[in-house]
Amino acid sequence: MVWLLPVNLDTIRAYSPLPFALLGMVLAIVGLTGRRRGKPMAVIGVILSCLAIVLSLIMVTLRS
């Protein structure tokens, strides 16, 4: 619902996915360690987090 606020988000929009991608990466790696069920979901989490990190880095470099 942040996009509905009357605030100019152009300065932080490129940086906003990065914390969520890093948190997703940490949680996926924690899910991969140990003897737990759901390792395929953790692998998918790692892949999607890597994709989000790459896309956010592309957004940051294109912004400059």
PDB file of N, CA and C in Angstrom:
ATOM      1  N   MET A   1       0.811  -1.193   0.000  1.00  0.00           N
ATOM      2  CA  MET A   1       0.000   0.000   0.000  1.00  0.00           C
ATOM      3  C   MET A   1       0.858   1.263   0.000  1.00  0.00           C
ATOM      4  N   VAL A   2       2.178   1.130  -0.012  1.00  0.00           N
ATOM      5  CA  VAL A   2       3.050   2.289   0.006  1.00  0.00           C
ATOM      6  C   VAL A   2       2.906   3.100  -1.277  1.00  0.00           C
ATOM      7  N   TRP A   3       2.647   2.448  -2.404  1.00  0.00           N
ATOM      8  CA  TRP A   3       2.548   3.154  -3.668  1.00  0.00           C
ATOM      9  C   TRP A   3       1.352   4.096  -3.703  1.00  0.00           C
ATOM     10  N   LEU A   4       0.404   3.953  -2.788  1.00  0.00           N
ATOM     11  CA  LEU A   4      -0.751   4.836  -2.739  1.00  0.00           C
ATOM     12  C   LEU A   4      -0.474   6.122  -1.956  1.00  0.00           C
ATOM     13  N   LEU A   5       0.637   6.189  -1.250  1.00  0.00           N
ATOM     14  CA  LEU A   5       0.962   7.381  -0.479  1.00  0.00           C
ATOM     15  C   LEU A   5       1.431   8.500  -1.399  1.00  0.00           C
ATOM     16  N   PRO A   6       1.086   9.725  -1.079  1.00  0.00           N
ATOM     17  CA  PRO A   6       1.526  10.848  -1.918  1.00  0.00           C
ATOM     18  C   PRO A   6       2.964  11.260  -1.604  1.00  0.00           C
ATOM     19  N   VAL A   7       3.895  10.338  -1.818  1.00  0.00           N
ATOM     20  CA  VAL A   7       5.301  10.575  -1.515  1.00  0.00           C
ATOM     21  C   VAL A   7       6.111  10.216  -2.761  1.00  0.00           C
ATOM     22  N   ASN A   8       7.143  10.978  -3.033  1.00  0.00           N
ATOM     23  CA  ASN A   8       8.026  10.680  -4.156  1.00  0.00           C
ATOM     24  C   ASN A   8       9.010   9.595  -3.735  1.00  0.00           C
ATOM     25  N   LEU A   9       8.873   8.412  -4.300  1.00  0.00           N
ATOM     26  CA  LEU A   9       9.718   7.281  -3.936  1.00  0.00           C
ATOM     27  C   LEU A   9      10.811   7.002  -4.964  1.00  0.00           C
ATOM     28  N   ASP A  10      11.055   7.931  -5.867  1.00  0.00           N
ATOM     29  CA  ASP A  10      12.039   7.686  -6.921  1.00  0.00           C
ATOM     30  C   ASP A  10      13.448   7.500  -6.380  1.00  0.00           C
ATOM     31  N   THR A  11      13.760   8.112  -5.255  1.00  0.00           N
ATOM     32  CA  THR A  11      15.125   8.019  -4.739  1.00  0.00           C
ATOM     33  C   THR A  11      15.415   6.697  -4.044  1.00  0.00           C
ATOM     34  N   ILE A  12      14.399   6.026  -3.512  1.00  0.00           N
ATOM     35  CA  ILE A  12      14.641   4.777  -2.782  1.00  0.00           C
ATOM     36  C   ILE A  12      14.077   3.556  -3.483  1.00  0.00           C
ATOM     37  N   ARG A  13      13.395   3.740  -4.598  1.00  0.00           N
ATOM     38  CA  ARG A  13      12.746   2.616  -5.269  1.00  0.00           C
ATOM     39  C   ARG A  13      13.743   1.560  -5.738  1.00  0.00           C
ATOM     40  N   ALA A  14      14.908   1.974  -6.200  1.00  0.00           N
ATOM     41  CA  ALA A  14      15.903   1.010  -6.684  1.00  0.00           C
ATOM     42  C   ALA A  14      16.519   0.215  -5.545  1.00  0.00           C
ATOM     43  N   TYR A  15      16.544   0.779  -4.352  1.00  0.00           N
ATOM     44  CA  TYR A  15      17.175   0.114  -3.208  1.00  0.00           C
ATOM     45  C   TYR A  15      16.201  -0.702  -2.362  1.00  0.00           C
ATOM     46  N   SER A  16      14.916  -0.561  -2.587  1.00  0.00           N
ATOM     47  CA  SER A  16      13.935  -1.221  -1.716  1.00  0.00           C
ATOM     48  C   SER A  16      13.913  -2.744  -1.798  1.00  0.00           C
ATOM     49  N   PRO A  17      14.191  -3.404  -2.942  1.00  0.00           N
ATOM     50  CA  PRO A  17      14.151  -4.874  -2.941  1.00  0.00           C
ATOM     51  C   PRO A  17      15.347  -5.530  -2.263  1.00  0.00           C
ATOM     52  N   LEU A  18      16.439  -4.798  -2.105  1.00  0.00           N
ATOM     53  CA  LEU A  18      17.673  -5.403  -1.610  1.00  0.00           C
ATOM     54  C   LEU A  18      17.566  -5.963  -0.195  1.00  0.00           C
ATOM     55  N   PRO A  19      16.994  -5.266   0.790  1.00  0.00           N
ATOM     56  CA  PRO A  19      16.891  -5.870   2.130  1.00  0.00           C
ATOM     57  C   PRO A  19      16.022  -7.125   2.158  1.00  0.00           C
ATOM     58  N   PHE A  20      14.960  -7.128   1.369  1.00  0.00           N
ATOM     59  CA  PHE A  20      14.088  -8.301   1.339  1.00  0.00           C
ATOM     60  C   PHE A  20      14.774  -9.487   0.675  1.00  0.00           C
ATOM     61  N   ALA A  21      15.570  -9.218  -0.350  1.00  0.00           N
ATOM     62  CA  ALA A  21      16.304 -10.292  -1.016  1.00  0.00           C
ATOM     63  C   ALA A  21      17.369 -10.875  -0.098  1.00  0.00           C
ATOM     64  N   LEU A  22      18.059 -10.014   0.641  1.00  0.00           N
ATOM     65  CA  LEU A  22      19.082 -10.510   1.565  1.00  0.00           C
ATOM     66  C   LEU A  22      18.450 -11.300   2.711  1.00  0.00           C
ATOM     67  N   LEU A  23      17.329 -10.831   3.223  1.00  0.00           N
ATOM     68  CA  LEU A  23      16.629 -11.570   4.270  1.00  0.00           C
ATOM     69  C   LEU A  23      16.135 -12.918   3.747  1.00  0.00           C
ATOM     70  N   GLY A  24      15.629 -12.936   2.527  1.00  0.00           N
ATOM     71  CA  GLY A  24      15.202 -14.198   1.925  1.00  0.00           C
ATOM     72  C   GLY A  24      16.349 -15.167   1.736  1.00  0.00           C
ATOM     73  N   MET A  25      17.509 -14.631   1.373  1.00  0.00           N
ATOM     74  CA  MET A  25      18.691 -15.477   1.208  1.00  0.00           C
ATOM     75  C   MET A  25      19.115 -16.085   2.540  1.00  0.00           C
ATOM     76  N   VAL A  26      19.123 -15.276   3.583  1.00  0.00           N
ATOM     77  CA  VAL A  26      19.500 -15.776   4.908  1.00  0.00           C
ATOM     78  C   VAL A  26      18.520 -16.851   5.370  1.00  0.00           C
ATOM     79  N   LEU A  27      17.244 -16.609   5.220  1.00  0.00           N
ATOM     80  CA  LEU A  27      16.250 -17.594   5.656  1.00  0.00           C
ATOM     81  C   LEU A  27      16.310 -18.873   4.827  1.00  0.00           C
ATOM     82  N   ALA A  28      16.599 -18.755   3.538  1.00  0.00           N
ATOM     83  CA  ALA A  28      16.715 -19.948   2.698  1.00  0.00           C
ATOM     84  C   ALA A  28      17.944 -20.765   3.072  1.00  0.00           C
ATOM     85  N   ILE A  29      19.040 -20.096   3.390  1.00  0.00           N
ATOM     86  CA  ILE A  29      20.245 -20.826   3.805  1.00  0.00           C
ATOM     87  C   ILE A  29      20.026 -21.496   5.146  1.00  0.00           C
ATOM     88  N   VAL A  30      19.327 -20.840   6.044  1.00  0.00           N
ATOM     89  CA  VAL A  30      18.991 -21.470   7.327  1.00  0.00           C
ATOM     90  C   VAL A  30      18.098 -22.688   7.085  1.00  0.00           C
ATOM     91  N   GLY A  31      17.195 -22.582   6.122  1.00  0.00           N
ATOM     92  CA  GLY A  31      16.337 -23.720   5.790  1.00  0.00           C
ATOM     93  C   GLY A  31      17.093 -24.883   5.181  1.00  0.00           C
ATOM     94  N   LEU A  32      18.204 -24.596   4.530  1.00  0.00           N
ATOM     95  CA  LEU A  32      19.007 -25.670   3.926  1.00  0.00           C
ATOM     96  C   LEU A  32      19.869 -26.401   4.943  1.00  0.00           C
ATOM     97  N   THR A  33      20.237 -25.735   6.009  1.00  0.00           N
ATOM     98  CA  THR A  33      21.098 -26.370   7.000  1.00  0.00           C
ATOM     99  C   THR A  33      20.275 -27.251   7.931  1.00  0.00           C
ATOM    100  N   GLY A  34      20.893 -28.249   8.433  1.00  0.00           N
ATOM    101  CA  GLY A  34      20.226 -29.135   9.373  1.00  0.00           C
ATOM    102  C   GLY A  34      19.428 -30.234   8.689  1.00  0.00           C
ATOM    103  N   ARG A  35      18.775 -31.016   9.502  1.00  0.00           N
ATOM    104  CA  ARG A  35      17.985 -32.143   8.996  1.00  0.00           C
ATOM    105  C   ARG A  35      16.513 -31.785   9.089  1.00  0.00           C
ATOM    106  N   ARG A  36      16.085 -30.979   8.173  1.00  0.00           N
ATOM    107  CA  ARG A  36      14.684 -30.548   8.144  1.00  0.00           C
ATOM    108  C   ARG A  36      14.035 -31.010   6.854  1.00  0.00           C
ATOM    109  N   ARG A  37      12.725 -31.047   6.896  1.00  0.00           N
ATOM    110  CA  ARG A  37      11.986 -31.286   5.662  1.00  0.00           C
ATOM    111  C   ARG A  37      11.827 -29.962   4.936  1.00  0.00           C
ATOM    112  N   GLY A  38      11.537 -30.010   3.672  1.00  0.00           N
ATOM    113  CA  GLY A  38      11.302 -28.805   2.899  1.00  0.00           C
ATOM    114  C   GLY A  38      12.536 -28.216   2.257  1.00  0.00           C
ATOM    115  N   LYS A  39      13.520 -29.059   1.997  1.00  0.00           N
ATOM    116  CA  LYS A  39      14.734 -28.552   1.356  1.00  0.00           C
ATOM    117  C   LYS A  39      14.486 -28.065  -0.070  1.00  0.00           C
ATOM    118  N   PRO A  40      13.586 -28.688  -0.834  1.00  0.00           N
ATOM    119  CA  PRO A  40      13.317 -28.119  -2.169  1.00  0.00           C
ATOM    120  C   PRO A  40      12.776 -26.694  -2.104  1.00  0.00           C
ATOM    121  N   MET A  41      11.967 -26.387  -1.107  1.00  0.00           N
ATOM    122  CA  MET A  41      11.465 -25.020  -0.947  1.00  0.00           C
ATOM    123  C   MET A  41      12.606 -24.074  -0.596  1.00  0.00           C
ATOM    124  N   ALA A  42      13.562 -24.533   0.197  1.00  0.00           N
ATOM    125  CA  ALA A  42      14.705 -23.701   0.548  1.00  0.00           C
ATOM    126  C   ALA A  42      15.581 -23.437  -0.670  1.00  0.00           C
ATOM    127  N   VAL A  43      15.740 -24.434  -1.527  1.00  0.00           N
ATOM    128  CA  VAL A  43      16.517 -24.251  -2.757  1.00  0.00           C
ATOM    129  C   VAL A  43      15.824 -23.236  -3.664  1.00  0.00           C
ATOM    130  N   ILE A  44      14.515 -23.339  -3.775  1.00  0.00           N
ATOM    131  CA  ILE A  44      13.753 -22.366  -4.564  1.00  0.00           C
ATOM    132  C   ILE A  44      13.904 -20.976  -3.954  1.00  0.00           C
ATOM    133  N   GLY A  45      13.926 -20.889  -2.632  1.00  0.00           N
ATOM    134  CA  GLY A  45      14.140 -19.611  -1.958  1.00  0.00           C
ATOM    135  C   GLY A  45      15.501 -19.016  -2.267  1.00  0.00           C
ATOM    136  N   VAL A  46      16.535 -19.855  -2.313  1.00  0.00           N
ATOM    137  CA  VAL A  46      17.872 -19.376  -2.665  1.00  0.00           C
ATOM    138  C   VAL A  46      17.892 -18.860  -4.099  1.00  0.00           C
ATOM    139  N   ILE A  47      17.283 -19.601  -5.004  1.00  0.00           N
ATOM    140  CA  ILE A  47      17.262 -19.197  -6.414  1.00  0.00           C
ATOM    141  C   ILE A  47      16.517 -17.878  -6.595  1.00  0.00           C
ATOM    142  N   LEU A  48      15.355 -17.755  -5.969  1.00  0.00           N
ATOM    143  CA  LEU A  48      14.582 -16.522  -6.104  1.00  0.00           C
ATOM    144  C   LEU A  48      15.265 -15.345  -5.420  1.00  0.00           C
ATOM    145  N   SER A  49      15.933 -15.599  -4.312  1.00  0.00           N
ATOM    146  CA  SER A  49      16.665 -14.523  -3.641  1.00  0.00           C
ATOM    147  C   SER A  49      17.850 -14.067  -4.482  1.00  0.00           C
ATOM    148  N   CYS A  50      18.549 -14.998  -5.108  1.00  0.00           N
ATOM    149  CA  CYS A  50      19.646 -14.622  -6.009  1.00  0.00           C
ATOM    150  C   CYS A  50      19.119 -13.798  -7.181  1.00  0.00           C
ATOM    151  N   LEU A  51      17.993 -14.194  -7.726  1.00  0.00           N
ATOM    152  CA  LEU A  51      17.381 -13.443  -8.815  1.00  0.00           C
ATOM    153  C   LEU A  51      16.997 -12.031  -8.362  1.00  0.00           C
ATOM    154  N   ALA A  52      16.442 -11.917  -7.170  1.00  0.00           N
ATOM    155  CA  ALA A  52      16.061 -10.608  -6.643  1.00  0.00           C
ATOM    156  C   ALA A  52      17.285  -9.733  -6.394  1.00  0.00           C
ATOM    157  N   ILE A  53      18.373 -10.331  -5.912  1.00  0.00           N
ATOM    158  CA  ILE A  53      19.603  -9.557  -5.693  1.00  0.00           C
ATOM    159  C   ILE A  53      20.163  -9.071  -7.020  1.00  0.00           C
ATOM    160  N   VAL A  54      20.194  -9.924  -8.015  1.00  0.00           N
ATOM    161  CA  VAL A  54      20.709  -9.534  -9.329  1.00  0.00           C
ATOM    162  C   VAL A  54      19.850  -8.419  -9.926  1.00  0.00           C
ATOM    163  N   LEU A  55      18.537  -8.576  -9.857  1.00  0.00           N
ATOM    164  CA  LEU A  55      17.657  -7.552 -10.419  1.00  0.00           C
ATOM    165  C   LEU A  55      17.768  -6.229  -9.667  1.00  0.00           C
ATOM    166  N   SER A  56      17.918  -6.290  -8.358  1.00  0.00           N
ATOM    167  CA  SER A  56      18.056  -5.039  -7.608  1.00  0.00           C
ATOM    168  C   SER A  56      19.392  -4.364  -7.906  1.00  0.00           C
ATOM    169  N   LEU A  57      20.451  -5.142  -8.107  1.00  0.00           N
ATOM    170  CA  LEU A  57      21.737  -4.543  -8.493  1.00  0.00           C
ATOM    171  C   LEU A  57      21.662  -3.930  -9.881  1.00  0.00           C
ATOM    172  N   ILE A  58      20.923  -4.563 -10.780  1.00  0.00           N
ATOM    173  CA  ILE A  58      20.719  -3.983 -12.098  1.00  0.00           C
ATOM    174  C   ILE A  58      19.943  -2.668 -11.990  1.00  0.00           C
ATOM    175  N   MET A  59      18.925  -2.645 -11.146  1.00  0.00           N
ATOM    176  CA  MET A  59      18.154  -1.419 -10.959  1.00  0.00           C
ATOM    177  C   MET A  59      19.014  -0.299 -10.385  1.00  0.00           C
ATOM    178  N   VAL A  60      19.896  -0.636  -9.458  1.00  0.00           N
ATOM    179  CA  VAL A  60      20.763   0.384  -8.849  1.00  0.00           C
ATOM    180  C   VAL A  60      21.761   0.917  -9.881  1.00  0.00           C
ATOM    181  N   THR A  61      22.335   0.032 -10.688  1.00  0.00           N
ATOM    182  CA  THR A  61      23.327   0.494 -11.663  1.00  0.00           C
ATOM    183  C   THR A  61      22.683   1.286 -12.794  1.00  0.00           C
ATOM    184  N   LEU A  62      21.468   0.944 -13.185  1.00  0.00           N
ATOM    185  CA  LEU A  62      20.797   1.703 -14.245  1.00  0.00           C
ATOM    186  C   LEU A  62      20.313   3.049 -13.746  1.00  0.00           C
ATOM    187  N   ARG A  63      20.110   3.167 -12.452  1.00  0.00           N
ATOM    188  CA  ARG A  63      19.642   4.426 -11.887  1.00  0.00           C
ATOM    189  C   ARG A  63      20.733   5.481 -11.939  1.00  0.00           C
ATOM    190  N   SER A  64      21.981   5.072 -11.822  1.00  0.00           N
ATOM    191  CA  SER A  64      23.102   6.029 -11.785  1.00  0.00           C
ATOM    192  C   SER A  64      23.410   6.627 -13.124  1.00  0.00           C
TER     193      SER A  64
END
